[in-house]
Amino acid sequence: MSGMLPLSNIKKEQAPPKEFVIDINCDLGQSFGVYKNESEESLIPYVSSVNIACGAHSGDPITIMKALKLAKNHNLSIGAHIGYPDIQGFGYRSLKLTPEEIQAMVVFQIGALNSMAKYFNLVVEYVRPHGALHKDILTNVDTAVAVANGIANFDKWLILVGAPSQNLKEASDITGVRIATEFQPIKNYTATGDIDFERDDIEDINFCMNQVNSLVKDSTIKTVDKKNITVNFNTIHLDLRSEKSIELAKKIQAAIDKTVPIPATFVMESGWLS
C-alpha cells in the first residue's frame, strides 16, 4: 500500500488544466458617407465579436450592411456600438441629455442595427457604448442607469459591455440588465480596477502583452502604482490606435486558449457549455 497514491492525488493529476475562455472584440462600421475607416476590418481575423456603429457617432446604412455581412461571413457575434449623436466629433464629445433623451437615443440605435441585422438573419446580442458615452457611464451613475434602462426595456437579454466600475454594477442592480466587463490592454488601470483616463494610452507592446499574459495566468493585472490586482473580465477590446496594433492582436489571440462570443462566456461560466 505504501507505493499507492491517495485517490485525491490521482484525481488532481488526471484533471485537465482549466482553459482560459474570453471574448475578443473590436469596433466595426465606423465610416460615414465619403469618410471611410475600412482599416478596422484588418482586426476581424482576431476577434469573436464586432461592435457595429449605429449611425450616431458614425455609420450609415451602406456601411452597416457591409459590416453585418462581414460579421455573418466570419461567424461573429454582433453588438450595437452606440454613442452620442455627434458625427462631427466622432462621439468623443459629451452631451448633456436628460435620462429620457439618453434612453431614446439608445433604443433608436439598437433598433436601427437590429432591424438591418434581420436582413441577414442575425440579431444584436450586446451593446457597447462608444467614446464620451463610454466614459460618462463610468463617471456618472445617472447616465449609466439611463443607458441600462434603454437596453433593458428594448430587450432584457441584451448585455451591456463596459469598463469595470461601480456605476456599471449599480446600473445592473437597478435595471436588471446583464453586464460584461471589458479589458483594454492599452489602457492604464487604477487600484480599484478602473481605467485611468488621465493617462495616455500605453505604447509599449511588451507591457500590454505582460498584462494579457498575467490575466490569462492568474486573473491579475498591474495597476498604475505597480501593484497586482485580481480582476474578472469577460472580453478584451482591440483597436488600431497604435502602429503595432495588428502585432498586438496576433499575440493576444495566440495567448488565449479559447475565444468565444460575449454571450457564450456567460453560458460557459454556468457550466452548461464547454
Protein backbone atom coordinates (compact mmCIF):
# COMPACT_ATOMS: atom_id res chain seq x y z
CA MET A 1 0.00 0.00 0.00
CA SER A 2 2.96 2.33 0.59
CA GLY A 3 3.52 2.77 -3.15
CA MET A 4 -0.07 3.75 -3.93
CA LEU A 5 -1.25 7.31 -4.40
CA PRO A 6 -4.25 8.62 -2.48
CA LEU A 7 -7.35 8.88 -4.65
CA SER A 8 -7.45 12.64 -4.15
CA ASN A 9 -3.99 12.96 -5.71
CA ILE A 10 -4.96 10.79 -8.67
CA LYS A 11 -7.97 13.00 -9.38
CA LYS A 12 -5.79 16.09 -9.30
CA GLU A 13 -3.26 14.55 -11.68
CA GLN A 14 -5.92 13.39 -14.12
CA ALA A 15 -7.90 16.64 -14.15
CA PRO A 16 -7.19 18.59 -17.34
CA PRO A 17 -5.98 22.17 -16.90
CA LYS A 18 -8.78 24.72 -16.99
CA GLU A 19 -8.98 26.65 -20.26
CA PHE A 20 -8.92 30.44 -20.24
CA VAL A 21 -12.05 31.43 -22.13
CA ILE A 22 -12.82 35.00 -23.11
CA ASP A 23 -14.25 37.09 -25.94
CA ILE A 24 -12.13 39.40 -28.10
CA ASN A 25 -13.97 42.33 -29.67
CA CYS A 26 -13.32 45.26 -31.99
CA ASP A 27 -15.29 48.16 -33.44
CA LEU A 28 -16.60 47.98 -37.00
CA GLY A 29 -18.57 50.08 -39.48
CA GLN A 30 -17.20 53.41 -38.27
CA SER A 31 -17.44 55.11 -41.65
CA PHE A 32 -19.90 57.74 -42.81
CA GLY A 33 -20.57 58.96 -46.34
CA VAL A 34 -17.28 59.76 -48.08
CA TYR A 35 -15.29 59.22 -44.86
CA LYS A 36 -14.01 55.64 -44.92
CA ASN A 37 -12.50 53.76 -41.99
CA GLU A 38 -12.04 50.35 -43.58
CA SER A 39 -8.71 49.69 -41.84
CA GLU A 40 -10.66 48.38 -38.84
CA GLU A 41 -11.58 45.35 -40.94
CA SER A 42 -7.98 44.15 -40.53
CA LEU A 43 -8.83 43.15 -36.95
CA ILE A 44 -11.63 40.75 -37.96
CA PRO A 45 -9.40 37.61 -38.08
CA TYR A 46 -8.51 38.09 -34.40
CA VAL A 47 -11.93 38.66 -32.80
CA SER A 48 -15.07 36.74 -31.91
CA SER A 49 -17.38 39.78 -31.61
CA VAL A 50 -17.76 43.05 -33.51
CA ASN A 51 -19.29 46.31 -32.28
CA ILE A 52 -21.10 47.88 -35.23
CA ALA A 53 -21.64 51.65 -35.26
CA CYS A 54 -25.33 52.51 -35.46
CA GLY A 55 -25.38 55.89 -37.19
CA ALA A 56 -24.95 58.26 -34.26
CA HIS A 57 -21.19 58.83 -33.84
CA SER A 58 -20.56 57.12 -37.19
CA GLY A 59 -22.07 54.56 -39.55
CA ASP A 60 -24.59 54.85 -42.37
CA PRO A 61 -26.97 52.28 -43.93
CA ILE A 62 -24.50 51.05 -46.57
CA THR A 63 -21.64 50.81 -44.07
CA ILE A 64 -23.85 48.97 -41.57
CA MET A 65 -24.98 46.47 -44.21
CA LYS A 66 -21.37 45.80 -45.18
CA ALA A 67 -20.35 45.32 -41.53
CA LEU A 68 -23.22 42.91 -40.92
CA LYS A 69 -22.28 40.89 -44.00
CA LEU A 70 -18.68 40.66 -42.79
CA ALA A 71 -19.86 39.53 -39.36
CA LYS A 72 -22.08 36.85 -40.87
CA ASN A 73 -19.37 35.58 -43.21
CA HIS A 74 -16.92 35.27 -40.33
CA ASN A 75 -19.49 33.85 -37.88
CA LEU A 76 -19.03 36.69 -35.40
CA SER A 77 -21.34 37.86 -32.64
CA ILE A 78 -22.67 41.39 -33.25
CA GLY A 79 -23.13 44.21 -30.80
CA ALA A 80 -24.58 47.70 -31.14
CA HIS A 81 -21.80 50.29 -30.84
CA ILE A 82 -23.87 53.18 -29.54
CA GLY A 83 -22.72 56.74 -28.96
CA TYR A 84 -23.82 60.33 -28.61
CA PRO A 85 -25.33 61.76 -31.84
CA ASP A 86 -22.13 63.61 -32.74
CA ILE A 87 -20.90 62.78 -36.24
CA GLN A 88 -18.65 65.85 -36.40
CA GLY A 89 -16.89 64.95 -33.15
CA PHE A 90 -16.93 61.18 -33.75
CA GLY A 91 -18.81 60.76 -30.46
CA TYR A 92 -15.87 61.97 -28.39
CA ARG A 93 -17.74 64.97 -27.01
CA SER A 94 -20.06 64.57 -24.04
CA LEU A 95 -23.63 65.84 -24.46
CA LYS A 96 -25.84 66.93 -21.59
CA LEU A 97 -29.01 64.91 -22.14
CA THR A 98 -31.90 64.00 -19.86
CA PRO A 99 -32.41 60.34 -18.89
CA GLU A 100 -35.37 60.21 -21.28
CA GLU A 101 -33.26 61.58 -24.14
CA ILE A 102 -30.50 59.07 -23.41
CA GLN A 103 -32.96 56.17 -23.38
CA ALA A 104 -34.49 57.31 -26.68
CA MET A 105 -31.02 57.62 -28.20
CA VAL A 106 -30.08 54.12 -27.02
CA VAL A 107 -33.28 52.45 -28.24
CA PHE A 108 -33.09 54.26 -31.61
CA GLN A 109 -29.58 52.99 -32.31
CA ILE A 110 -30.11 49.41 -31.15
CA GLY A 111 -33.37 49.28 -33.11
CA ALA A 112 -31.72 50.55 -36.28
CA LEU A 113 -28.96 47.93 -36.17
CA ASN A 114 -31.29 45.13 -35.12
CA SER A 115 -33.75 45.83 -37.94
CA MET A 116 -30.94 45.72 -40.51
CA ALA A 117 -29.46 42.61 -38.90
CA LYS A 118 -32.70 40.76 -39.67
CA TYR A 119 -31.84 41.10 -43.36
CA PHE A 120 -29.01 38.64 -42.69
CA ASN A 121 -30.96 36.56 -40.15
CA LEU A 122 -28.80 37.99 -37.38
CA VAL A 123 -29.69 39.57 -34.05
CA VAL A 124 -27.93 42.10 -31.85
CA GLU A 125 -26.61 40.28 -28.79
CA TYR A 126 -24.94 43.03 -26.75
CA VAL A 127 -24.36 46.77 -26.56
CA ARG A 128 -21.01 48.56 -26.23
CA PRO A 129 -21.03 52.34 -25.67
CA HIS A 130 -18.52 54.46 -27.59
CA GLY A 131 -16.24 57.36 -26.74
CA ALA A 132 -17.70 60.02 -24.46
CA LEU A 133 -20.77 57.91 -23.66
CA HIS A 134 -18.50 55.05 -22.58
CA LYS A 135 -16.60 57.40 -20.27
CA ASP A 136 -19.75 59.12 -18.94
CA ILE A 137 -21.17 55.77 -17.84
CA LEU A 138 -18.09 55.31 -15.64
CA THR A 139 -18.24 58.78 -14.13
CA ASN A 140 -21.99 59.48 -13.89
CA VAL A 141 -24.33 56.93 -12.36
CA ASP A 142 -27.44 58.64 -13.81
CA THR A 143 -26.04 58.20 -17.32
CA ALA A 144 -25.20 54.57 -16.57
CA VAL A 145 -28.72 53.85 -15.30
CA ALA A 146 -30.35 55.66 -18.25
CA VAL A 147 -28.32 53.64 -20.78
CA ALA A 148 -29.04 50.40 -18.92
CA ASN A 149 -32.77 51.23 -18.76
CA GLY A 150 -32.89 51.80 -22.50
CA ILE A 151 -31.18 48.46 -23.12
CA ALA A 152 -33.28 46.50 -20.61
CA ASN A 153 -36.56 47.87 -21.92
CA PHE A 154 -35.58 47.09 -25.51
CA ASP A 155 -34.52 43.52 -24.77
CA LYS A 156 -33.82 42.10 -21.31
CA TRP A 157 -31.40 39.53 -22.81
CA LEU A 158 -29.03 42.14 -24.21
CA ILE A 159 -25.70 42.53 -22.43
CA LEU A 160 -24.17 45.92 -21.60
CA VAL A 161 -20.40 45.87 -22.19
CA GLY A 162 -18.24 48.42 -20.43
CA ALA A 163 -15.16 49.09 -18.38
CA PRO A 164 -15.43 47.81 -14.79
CA SER A 165 -16.86 50.42 -12.44
CA GLN A 166 -19.21 50.78 -9.51
CA ASN A 167 -21.61 52.74 -11.73
CA LEU A 168 -21.85 49.86 -14.20
CA LYS A 169 -22.63 47.42 -11.38
CA GLU A 170 -25.19 49.78 -9.83
CA ALA A 171 -26.91 50.25 -13.18
CA SER A 172 -27.15 46.46 -13.48
CA ASP A 173 -28.57 46.13 -9.97
CA ILE A 174 -31.22 48.78 -10.61
CA THR A 175 -32.34 47.75 -14.10
CA GLY A 176 -31.58 44.03 -14.15
CA VAL A 177 -29.53 44.31 -17.35
CA ARG A 178 -26.64 41.86 -17.61
CA ILE A 179 -23.18 43.40 -17.78
CA ALA A 180 -19.87 42.20 -19.23
CA THR A 181 -16.65 43.89 -18.20
CA GLU A 182 -14.05 44.75 -20.81
CA PHE A 183 -10.25 44.85 -20.60
CA GLN A 184 -8.31 47.20 -22.85
CA PRO A 185 -4.61 46.24 -22.99
CA ILE A 186 -3.51 49.74 -24.00
CA LYS A 187 -5.18 51.40 -21.01
CA ASN A 188 -3.79 52.13 -17.54
CA TYR A 189 -5.78 50.81 -14.57
CA THR A 190 -6.13 52.09 -11.02
CA ALA A 191 -6.02 50.10 -7.78
CA THR A 192 -9.82 49.79 -7.91
CA GLY A 193 -9.71 48.23 -11.40
CA ASP A 194 -10.98 51.36 -13.16
CA ILE A 195 -9.44 52.87 -16.29
CA ASP A 196 -7.23 55.86 -15.50
CA PHE A 197 -8.44 58.35 -18.12
CA GLU A 198 -5.89 60.93 -17.01
CA ARG A 199 -3.04 58.89 -18.52
CA ASP A 200 -2.21 58.40 -22.18
CA ASP A 201 -2.62 55.05 -23.90
CA ILE A 202 0.23 52.58 -23.43
CA GLU A 203 2.57 52.32 -26.42
CA ASP A 204 4.79 49.55 -25.04
CA ILE A 205 3.54 46.35 -26.69
CA ASN A 206 5.57 44.21 -24.26
CA PHE A 207 3.83 45.78 -21.28
CA CYS A 208 0.44 45.23 -22.93
CA MET A 209 1.24 41.56 -23.51
CA ASN A 210 2.51 41.16 -19.94
CA GLN A 211 -0.89 42.42 -18.81
CA VAL A 212 -2.70 39.92 -21.05
CA ASN A 213 -0.45 37.02 -20.01
CA SER A 214 -0.99 37.86 -16.35
CA LEU A 215 -4.73 38.00 -16.95
CA VAL A 216 -4.63 34.56 -18.58
CA LYS A 217 -2.37 33.03 -15.95
CA ASP A 218 -3.98 34.14 -12.69
CA SER A 219 -6.64 36.81 -13.47
CA THR A 220 -4.44 39.70 -12.36
CA ILE A 221 -3.21 42.92 -13.96
CA LYS A 222 -0.69 45.55 -12.87
CA THR A 223 -2.03 48.95 -11.81
CA VAL A 224 -0.54 52.40 -12.35
CA ASP A 225 1.07 52.18 -8.91
CA LYS A 226 2.77 48.89 -9.87
CA LYS A 227 0.50 46.67 -7.75
CA ASN A 228 -1.15 43.45 -8.92
CA ILE A 229 -4.92 43.24 -8.52
CA THR A 230 -7.32 40.38 -9.21
CA VAL A 231 -9.85 41.14 -11.95
CA ASN A 232 -12.67 39.40 -13.77
CA PHE A 233 -13.09 40.40 -17.42
CA ASN A 234 -15.48 38.90 -19.99
CA THR A 235 -13.95 40.44 -23.09
CA ILE A 236 -10.78 42.05 -24.44
CA HIS A 237 -11.04 45.08 -26.73
CA LEU A 238 -8.72 45.57 -29.72
CA ASP A 239 -8.27 48.82 -31.61
CA LEU A 240 -5.99 50.38 -34.20
CA ARG A 241 -4.60 53.35 -32.29
CA SER A 242 -1.03 52.05 -32.35
CA GLU A 243 1.21 51.21 -35.32
CA LYS A 244 1.75 47.84 -33.63
CA SER A 245 -1.97 47.09 -33.22
CA ILE A 246 -2.04 44.10 -35.59
CA GLU A 247 1.07 42.63 -33.99
CA LEU A 248 -0.56 43.02 -30.58
CA ALA A 249 -3.81 41.48 -31.87
CA LYS A 250 -1.94 38.41 -33.14
CA LYS A 251 -0.12 37.96 -29.84
CA ILE A 252 -3.29 38.35 -27.78
CA GLN A 253 -5.19 35.82 -29.88
CA ALA A 254 -2.31 33.34 -29.52
CA ALA A 255 -2.30 33.79 -25.73
CA ILE A 256 -5.99 32.87 -25.34
CA ASP A 257 -6.98 29.19 -25.03
CA LYS A 258 -10.45 29.72 -26.49
CA THR A 259 -12.15 32.85 -27.86
CA VAL A 260 -15.94 32.79 -27.76
CA PRO A 261 -18.60 35.49 -28.29
CA ILE A 262 -19.61 37.57 -25.29
CA PRO A 263 -22.98 35.81 -24.70
CA ALA A 264 -21.25 32.41 -24.71
CA THR A 265 -18.90 33.43 -21.90
CA PHE A 266 -21.93 33.69 -19.60
CA VAL A 267 -23.08 30.20 -20.59
CA MET A 268 -19.62 28.70 -20.14
CA GLU A 269 -19.25 30.24 -16.69
CA SER A 270 -22.50 28.50 -15.70
CA GLY A 271 -21.02 25.11 -16.62
CA TRP A 272 -23.60 24.31 -19.32
CA LEU A 273 -21.16 24.71 -22.19
CA SER A 274 -17.50 23.72 -22.53
